[in-house]
Protein backbone atom coordinates (compact mmCIF):
# COMPACT_ATOMS: atom_id res chain seq x y z
CA MET A 1 224.24 271.22 77.47
CA VAL A 2 221.79 274.14 77.76
CA GLU A 3 221.19 276.57 80.61
CA HIS A 4 218.12 278.57 81.34
CA ALA A 5 218.28 282.26 80.98
CA PRO A 6 217.31 284.59 83.90
CA GLU A 7 213.77 285.88 83.37
CA ARG A 8 215.16 289.49 83.07
CA LEU A 9 216.78 288.38 79.71
CA GLU A 10 213.62 286.89 78.32
CA PRO A 11 211.28 289.10 76.29
CA PRO A 12 207.66 288.13 77.01
CA LYS A 13 207.10 287.26 73.35
CA LEU A 14 209.91 284.71 73.38
CA GLY A 15 209.27 283.08 76.80
CA ARG A 16 211.82 280.84 78.37
CA LEU A 17 215.21 280.66 76.71
CA ASP A 18 217.58 277.76 76.78
CA TRP A 19 221.08 279.14 76.24
CA VAL A 20 223.71 277.23 74.32
CA SER A 21 226.19 280.16 74.45
CA PRO A 22 227.85 281.59 76.48
CA ILE A 23 227.74 278.86 79.12
CA PRO A 24 230.23 277.53 81.70
CA ALA A 25 230.39 274.10 80.04
CA THR A 26 232.15 275.65 76.98
CA GLN A 27 234.14 278.25 78.96
CA TYR A 28 231.73 280.92 77.82
CA ARG A 29 232.71 280.52 74.25
CA GLU A 30 231.15 282.85 71.62
CA TYR A 31 230.47 281.47 68.17
CA GLN A 32 230.65 282.75 64.52
CA ASP A 33 230.49 281.37 60.98
CA TYR A 34 229.68 277.67 60.72
CA ALA A 35 230.16 277.21 64.48
CA PHE A 36 227.15 279.34 65.33
CA LEU A 37 224.94 277.35 62.94
CA ASP A 38 226.29 274.06 64.27
CA ILE A 39 225.63 274.85 67.96
CA LEU A 40 222.03 275.78 66.97
CA GLY A 41 221.52 272.58 65.07
CA LEU A 42 221.65 274.29 61.73
CA GLY A 43 224.89 272.99 60.42
CA HIS A 44 223.23 271.98 57.16
CA LEU A 45 223.17 275.64 56.18
CA ASP A 46 226.96 276.09 56.09
CA THR A 47 227.18 276.20 52.26
CA ALA A 48 224.29 278.64 52.06
CA LEU A 49 226.00 280.87 54.67
CA ARG A 50 229.15 281.02 52.66
CA GLU A 51 227.18 282.23 49.67
CA PHE A 52 225.63 284.99 51.88
CA TRP A 53 228.59 286.15 53.98
CA PRO A 54 232.42 285.68 53.94
CA ARG A 55 234.27 283.93 56.72
CA GLY A 56 235.08 286.06 59.75
CA GLY A 57 231.42 287.14 60.15
CA ALA A 58 229.45 288.15 63.19
CA VAL A 59 230.54 286.89 66.60
CA TRP A 60 227.39 286.29 68.56
CA ASP A 61 227.35 287.46 72.23
CA GLY A 62 224.80 284.78 72.93
CA LEU A 63 222.80 282.00 71.24
CA ALA A 64 219.69 280.37 72.62
CA GLN A 65 216.67 278.26 71.74
CA SER A 66 213.10 279.37 72.31
CA LYS A 67 209.84 277.66 71.84
CA SER A 68 209.42 279.42 68.50
CA GLY A 69 212.88 279.18 67.07
CA PRO A 70 216.59 279.94 67.51
CA VAL A 71 217.66 283.19 69.13
CA LEU A 72 220.69 285.24 68.12
CA VAL A 73 221.91 287.65 70.84
CA GLU A 74 223.78 290.95 70.63
CA ALA A 75 224.56 292.53 73.95
CA LYS A 76 225.83 295.98 74.75
CA ALA A 77 226.79 297.82 77.96
CA HIS A 78 227.54 301.29 76.71
CA VAL A 79 226.18 303.58 73.95
CA SER A 80 229.39 303.97 71.93
CA GLU A 81 229.26 300.20 71.09
CA SER A 82 226.10 301.00 69.07
CA PHE A 83 228.03 303.36 66.82
CA SER A 84 230.28 300.72 65.39
CA SER A 85 233.01 301.16 62.83
CA PRO A 86 232.14 300.65 59.14
CA CYS A 87 232.63 297.26 57.58
CA GLY A 88 236.35 296.37 57.85
CA ALA A 89 236.48 293.84 55.01
CA THR A 90 239.53 294.55 52.86
CA ALA A 91 239.37 291.72 50.24
CA PRO A 92 237.40 293.01 47.30
CA ALA A 93 235.33 289.79 46.95
CA SER A 94 234.41 289.76 50.63
CA LEU A 95 233.33 293.46 50.58
CA GLU A 96 231.33 292.89 47.43
CA LEU A 97 229.49 289.95 48.96
CA ILE A 98 228.76 291.85 52.21
CA ARG A 99 227.50 294.89 50.38
CA LYS A 100 225.28 292.73 48.16
CA SER A 101 223.80 290.83 51.13
CA LEU A 102 223.21 294.00 53.07
CA SER A 103 221.55 295.66 50.06
CA ASP A 104 219.34 292.64 49.37
CA CYS A 105 218.20 292.61 52.99
CA SER A 106 217.61 296.39 53.27
CA ARG A 107 215.66 296.39 50.00
CA ASP A 108 213.50 293.47 51.10
CA LEU A 109 212.67 295.18 54.35
CA GLY A 110 211.69 298.30 52.60
CA ALA A 111 214.50 300.43 53.97
CA ASP A 112 215.46 303.86 52.56
CA MET A 113 218.06 302.89 50.02
CA ARG A 114 220.04 306.06 50.71
CA SER A 115 221.28 304.46 53.94
CA ASP A 116 224.63 302.71 53.52
CA TRP A 117 224.44 299.67 55.81
CA ALA A 118 228.13 298.88 55.29
CA ARG A 119 229.02 302.18 56.97
CA CYS A 120 226.19 303.29 59.18
CA HIS A 121 225.44 301.29 62.29
CA TYR A 122 227.18 298.41 60.62
CA GLN A 123 227.15 295.97 63.53
CA THR A 124 223.36 296.34 63.95
CA ALA A 125 222.90 296.11 60.18
CA ASN A 126 224.79 292.91 59.80
CA ARG A 127 223.00 291.29 62.77
CA ILE A 128 219.63 292.13 61.12
CA ALA A 129 220.97 290.81 57.82
CA HIS A 130 221.83 287.44 59.40
CA LEU A 131 218.37 287.28 60.86
CA TRP A 132 216.90 288.02 57.41
CA TRP A 133 219.07 285.38 55.82
CA LEU A 134 217.95 282.76 58.32
CA HIS A 135 214.33 283.54 57.50
CA ARG A 136 215.15 283.15 53.71
CA GLN A 137 216.36 279.61 54.64
CA GLY A 138 213.00 278.88 56.23
CA ILE A 139 214.27 279.29 59.85
CA ARG A 140 211.95 281.46 62.03
CA ALA A 141 214.84 282.85 64.10
CA HIS A 142 214.75 285.81 66.43
CA LEU A 143 217.23 288.55 67.19
CA LEU A 144 217.51 289.78 70.76
CA PHE A 145 219.32 292.94 71.65
CA VAL A 146 220.31 292.87 75.35
CA HIS A 147 221.15 296.38 76.53
CA PHE A 148 222.56 296.69 80.06
CA VAL A 149 221.57 299.58 82.30
CA GLY A 150 223.58 300.93 85.16
CA ASP A 151 227.04 299.40 84.32
CA ALA A 152 229.14 302.06 86.02
CA GLU A 153 232.39 300.29 85.24
CA MET A 154 231.59 300.65 81.56
CA LYS A 155 230.14 304.15 81.99
CA GLY A 156 226.89 302.83 80.51
CA PRO A 157 223.39 304.36 80.49
CA LYS A 158 221.64 304.75 83.80
CA SER A 159 218.18 304.34 82.30
CA ALA A 160 216.35 302.21 79.74
CA GLU A 161 215.16 305.40 78.08
CA THR A 162 218.66 306.13 76.76
CA TRP A 163 218.85 302.73 75.18
CA ILE A 164 215.35 303.19 73.65
CA ALA A 165 216.54 306.42 72.04
CA VAL A 166 219.67 304.73 70.72
CA GLU A 167 217.59 301.90 69.24
CA MET A 168 215.25 304.37 67.57
CA ALA A 169 218.21 306.36 66.18
CA ALA A 170 219.84 303.23 64.78
CA ASN A 171 216.67 302.09 63.02
CA TYR A 172 216.16 305.60 61.63
CA ALA A 173 219.75 305.77 60.38
CA LEU A 174 219.36 302.44 58.65
CA GLY A 175 216.28 303.80 56.95
CA LEU A 176 214.05 300.99 58.41
CA PRO A 177 210.30 301.62 58.38
CA LYS A 178 208.56 301.38 61.67
CA GLN A 179 207.06 298.06 60.60
CA HIS A 180 208.72 295.60 58.28
CA GLY A 181 208.99 291.88 57.61
CA LEU A 182 211.26 291.18 60.62
CA SER A 183 209.62 293.53 63.18
CA ASP A 184 208.03 290.65 65.10
CA PHE A 185 211.34 288.84 65.30
CA ILE A 186 213.57 291.65 66.69
CA HIS A 187 213.36 292.08 70.45
CA TYR A 188 214.95 294.33 73.03
CA VAL A 189 215.52 293.93 76.73
CA HIS A 190 216.97 296.57 79.13
CA THR A 191 218.54 294.78 82.05
CA ASP A 192 219.81 296.43 85.16
CA VAL A 193 223.28 294.97 85.94
CA SER A 194 222.46 295.15 89.71
CA ASN A 195 219.93 292.38 89.14
CA ILE A 196 222.41 290.00 87.55
CA GLY A 197 224.21 287.53 89.76
């Protein structure tokens, strides 16, 4: 079952989104590892994912389908979420695989290699890395950052400008050039919570 996203969550470049997560039919479940691939109809990539990232990977706040490909969604309500903790993998093999995948991605995108993606803005880095990996598998996926404005309960930003500054700071800290191979596949929306039912 899919549900249509409110227009305020749909970047113009992506158009109408059909959500597969989180939706009422699955008790608003969020997916990770093989399950996120499966719900997007990409279960055949499970073995390749294991070679790219250890189990216990990114938990996606949302997953959707657009007319141009699957959409991975990361949502945030307050700025401190953007300054995530460094990679928490403790098993040496897992940490080595994560570091290799992050390094391969950052190098391919032309990022400043002095930036340590396993420590700096790690959550943003690993989301971008998963997008990059999907493209390497021939899947023209998109990454959508949904940044909520005016969430007083979470003490979140009161304006989109704050989020734009955070986004620019994260990209700068990750050493990403202004334009890179995934620029057209990374999107941002700034949604006022007062407009959400």
